[in-house]
Amino acid sequence: MELRSRFPEARPAIVLVSASAIREQVADRLEVDASLSKPFDTAELRDVVRELATREG
């Protein structure tokens, strides 16, 4: 992914949010850290952000 290649030291977490029927396949292809299906519950988003914010690496 271009963002990660441009800033390898930053390693930003990327969350894909999509209503697409192929969301999981797109998420795999883009190598995102997480994905959510629209519509999503705000608690679900909070949990994903919390998990990504506390990960090591």
N, C-alpha and C. Protein backbone atom coordinates (compact mmCIF):
# COMPACT_ATOMS: atom_id res chain seq x y z
N MET A 1 0.85 -1.17 0.00
CA MET A 1 0.00 0.00 0.00
C MET A 1 0.89 1.23 0.00
N GLU A 2 0.55 2.21 -0.77
CA GLU A 2 1.39 3.38 -0.97
C GLU A 2 1.65 4.15 0.33
N LEU A 3 0.64 4.35 1.14
CA LEU A 3 0.81 5.10 2.39
C LEU A 3 1.86 4.45 3.27
N ARG A 4 1.77 3.14 3.42
CA ARG A 4 2.73 2.43 4.27
C ARG A 4 4.12 2.46 3.67
N SER A 5 4.24 2.39 2.35
CA SER A 5 5.57 2.41 1.74
C SER A 5 6.20 3.80 1.86
N ARG A 6 5.39 4.83 1.87
CA ARG A 6 5.92 6.19 2.00
C ARG A 6 6.33 6.52 3.42
N PHE A 7 5.68 5.91 4.41
CA PHE A 7 5.95 6.20 5.82
C PHE A 7 6.12 4.90 6.61
N PRO A 8 7.13 4.10 6.30
CA PRO A 8 7.26 2.79 6.95
C PRO A 8 7.49 2.88 8.46
N GLU A 9 8.12 3.94 8.91
CA GLU A 9 8.38 4.07 10.34
C GLU A 9 7.12 4.42 11.13
N ALA A 10 6.14 5.03 10.50
CA ALA A 10 4.92 5.45 11.19
C ALA A 10 3.96 4.28 11.39
N ARG A 11 3.87 3.41 10.42
CA ARG A 11 2.98 2.25 10.44
C ARG A 11 1.58 2.60 10.94
N PRO A 12 0.90 3.51 10.20
CA PRO A 12 -0.45 3.90 10.63
C PRO A 12 -1.41 2.73 10.48
N ALA A 13 -2.33 2.64 11.41
CA ALA A 13 -3.38 1.62 11.32
C ALA A 13 -4.41 2.09 10.30
N ILE A 14 -4.86 1.18 9.48
CA ILE A 14 -5.84 1.52 8.44
C ILE A 14 -7.07 0.65 8.62
N VAL A 15 -8.23 1.32 8.70
CA VAL A 15 -9.51 0.63 8.84
C VAL A 15 -10.35 0.93 7.60
N LEU A 16 -10.77 -0.11 6.93
CA LEU A 16 -11.63 0.02 5.77
C LEU A 16 -13.08 0.00 6.24
N VAL A 17 -13.86 0.98 5.82
CA VAL A 17 -15.29 1.03 6.14
C VAL A 17 -16.03 1.02 4.81
N SER A 18 -16.85 -0.01 4.60
CA SER A 18 -17.48 -0.17 3.29
C SER A 18 -18.80 -0.92 3.40
N ALA A 19 -19.69 -0.61 2.47
CA ALA A 19 -20.95 -1.35 2.36
C ALA A 19 -20.89 -2.37 1.23
N SER A 20 -19.74 -2.52 0.62
CA SER A 20 -19.57 -3.42 -0.51
C SER A 20 -19.76 -4.88 -0.10
N ALA A 21 -20.32 -5.64 -0.99
CA ALA A 21 -20.50 -7.08 -0.75
C ALA A 21 -19.17 -7.81 -0.74
N ILE A 22 -18.14 -7.19 -1.31
CA ILE A 22 -16.82 -7.83 -1.35
C ILE A 22 -15.83 -7.13 -0.42
N ARG A 23 -16.34 -6.55 0.64
CA ARG A 23 -15.52 -5.80 1.59
C ARG A 23 -14.35 -6.63 2.12
N GLU A 24 -14.59 -7.86 2.48
CA GLU A 24 -13.52 -8.69 3.05
C GLU A 24 -12.42 -8.97 2.03
N GLN A 25 -12.80 -9.20 0.78
CA GLN A 25 -11.80 -9.43 -0.25
C GLN A 25 -10.98 -8.17 -0.51
N VAL A 26 -11.64 -7.02 -0.52
CA VAL A 26 -10.94 -5.76 -0.71
C VAL A 26 -10.00 -5.50 0.47
N ALA A 27 -10.47 -5.77 1.67
CA ALA A 27 -9.64 -5.58 2.86
C ALA A 27 -8.40 -6.45 2.80
N ASP A 28 -8.56 -7.69 2.35
CA ASP A 28 -7.41 -8.58 2.22
C ASP A 28 -6.43 -8.07 1.17
N ARG A 29 -6.96 -7.62 0.04
CA ARG A 29 -6.10 -7.14 -1.05
C ARG A 29 -5.34 -5.89 -0.64
N LEU A 30 -5.98 -5.01 0.10
CA LEU A 30 -5.35 -3.77 0.54
C LEU A 30 -4.48 -3.94 1.79
N GLU A 31 -4.60 -5.10 2.42
CA GLU A 31 -3.84 -5.41 3.63
C GLU A 31 -4.10 -4.41 4.75
N VAL A 32 -5.38 -4.08 4.94
CA VAL A 32 -5.74 -3.16 6.02
C VAL A 32 -5.69 -3.89 7.35
N ASP A 33 -5.68 -3.13 8.42
CA ASP A 33 -5.61 -3.72 9.75
C ASP A 33 -6.95 -4.23 10.25
N ALA A 34 -8.02 -3.61 9.76
CA ALA A 34 -9.37 -4.01 10.17
C ALA A 34 -10.35 -3.49 9.14
N SER A 35 -11.55 -4.06 9.17
CA SER A 35 -12.60 -3.54 8.29
C SER A 35 -13.94 -3.65 8.99
N LEU A 36 -14.79 -2.70 8.67
CA LEU A 36 -16.14 -2.66 9.23
C LEU A 36 -17.13 -2.58 8.09
N SER A 37 -18.25 -3.25 8.27
CA SER A 37 -19.32 -3.21 7.28
C SER A 37 -20.31 -2.12 7.65
N LYS A 38 -20.68 -1.29 6.67
CA LYS A 38 -21.70 -0.27 6.90
C LYS A 38 -23.07 -0.92 6.85
N PRO A 39 -23.99 -0.47 7.61
CA PRO A 39 -23.80 0.45 8.74
C PRO A 39 -23.16 -0.28 9.91
N PHE A 40 -22.43 0.44 10.72
CA PHE A 40 -21.78 -0.18 11.87
C PHE A 40 -22.18 0.57 13.13
N ASP A 41 -22.08 -0.12 14.22
CA ASP A 41 -22.40 0.44 15.53
C ASP A 41 -21.18 1.20 16.04
N THR A 42 -21.39 2.32 16.67
CA THR A 42 -20.26 3.11 17.17
C THR A 42 -19.43 2.33 18.19
N ALA A 43 -20.06 1.45 18.93
CA ALA A 43 -19.32 0.63 19.89
C ALA A 43 -18.37 -0.31 19.16
N GLU A 44 -18.79 -0.80 18.01
CA GLU A 44 -17.93 -1.67 17.20
C GLU A 44 -16.70 -0.89 16.71
N LEU A 45 -16.91 0.33 16.25
CA LEU A 45 -15.80 1.17 15.82
C LEU A 45 -14.88 1.46 17.00
N ARG A 46 -15.43 1.78 18.13
CA ARG A 46 -14.63 2.06 19.33
C ARG A 46 -13.75 0.86 19.68
N ASP A 47 -14.33 -0.34 19.61
CA ASP A 47 -13.57 -1.55 19.93
C ASP A 47 -12.42 -1.78 18.95
N VAL A 48 -12.67 -1.54 17.68
CA VAL A 48 -11.62 -1.70 16.68
C VAL A 48 -10.50 -0.68 16.91
N VAL A 49 -10.86 0.55 17.15
CA VAL A 49 -9.86 1.59 17.41
C VAL A 49 -9.07 1.27 18.67
N ARG A 50 -9.73 0.84 19.70
CA ARG A 50 -9.06 0.49 20.95
C ARG A 50 -8.07 -0.65 20.73
N GLU A 51 -8.50 -1.66 20.00
CA GLU A 51 -7.62 -2.80 19.72
C GLU A 51 -6.40 -2.38 18.92
N LEU A 52 -6.60 -1.57 17.90
CA LEU A 52 -5.48 -1.14 17.07
C LEU A 52 -4.55 -0.18 17.82
N ALA A 53 -5.11 0.63 18.69
CA ALA A 53 -4.30 1.60 19.44
C ALA A 53 -3.41 0.92 20.49
N THR A 54 -3.81 -0.26 20.94
CA THR A 54 -3.05 -0.93 21.99
C THR A 54 -2.19 -2.07 21.47
N ARG A 55 -2.18 -2.27 20.17
CA ARG A 55 -1.38 -3.37 19.61
C ARG A 55 0.11 -3.03 19.69
N GLU A 56 0.89 -4.06 19.69
CA GLU A 56 2.34 -3.88 19.67
C GLU A 56 2.81 -3.90 18.24
N GLY A 57 3.88 -3.16 17.96
CA GLY A 57 4.46 -3.18 16.63
C GLY A 57 4.12 -1.96 15.90
